[in-house]
């Protein structure tokens, strides 16, 4: 009896984990990502578009001064700030920010 744990009684460890997960989720929900693309340096290679897990980035219909369609935030609400786009950009023209959201 001393070493067996009841399946109905939560342990301190399981309560901590559940509480930690809920707290982490609430914290994560208050942060949103945002990207800034240096439009004049972007060549429109689309590598960032393919790498974005939440499909935030698209190519603009307009062109920059060099004649390239450039990347922009097509779906900004979905950005998590993961920075995958910036990491794969061959010309380093993407800057990623994490924006704290007010409730």
Foldseek 3Di string as FASTA:
>chain_A
DVPDDDPVDDDPVNVVVVVVVVVVVVQLVQKFKAKDFPQQPAQQPCPLQVQDPQNQKDWDPDHHPVRHTGIHGPPRVRGSQPCSSQVPRPRNRMDMDMDGHDD
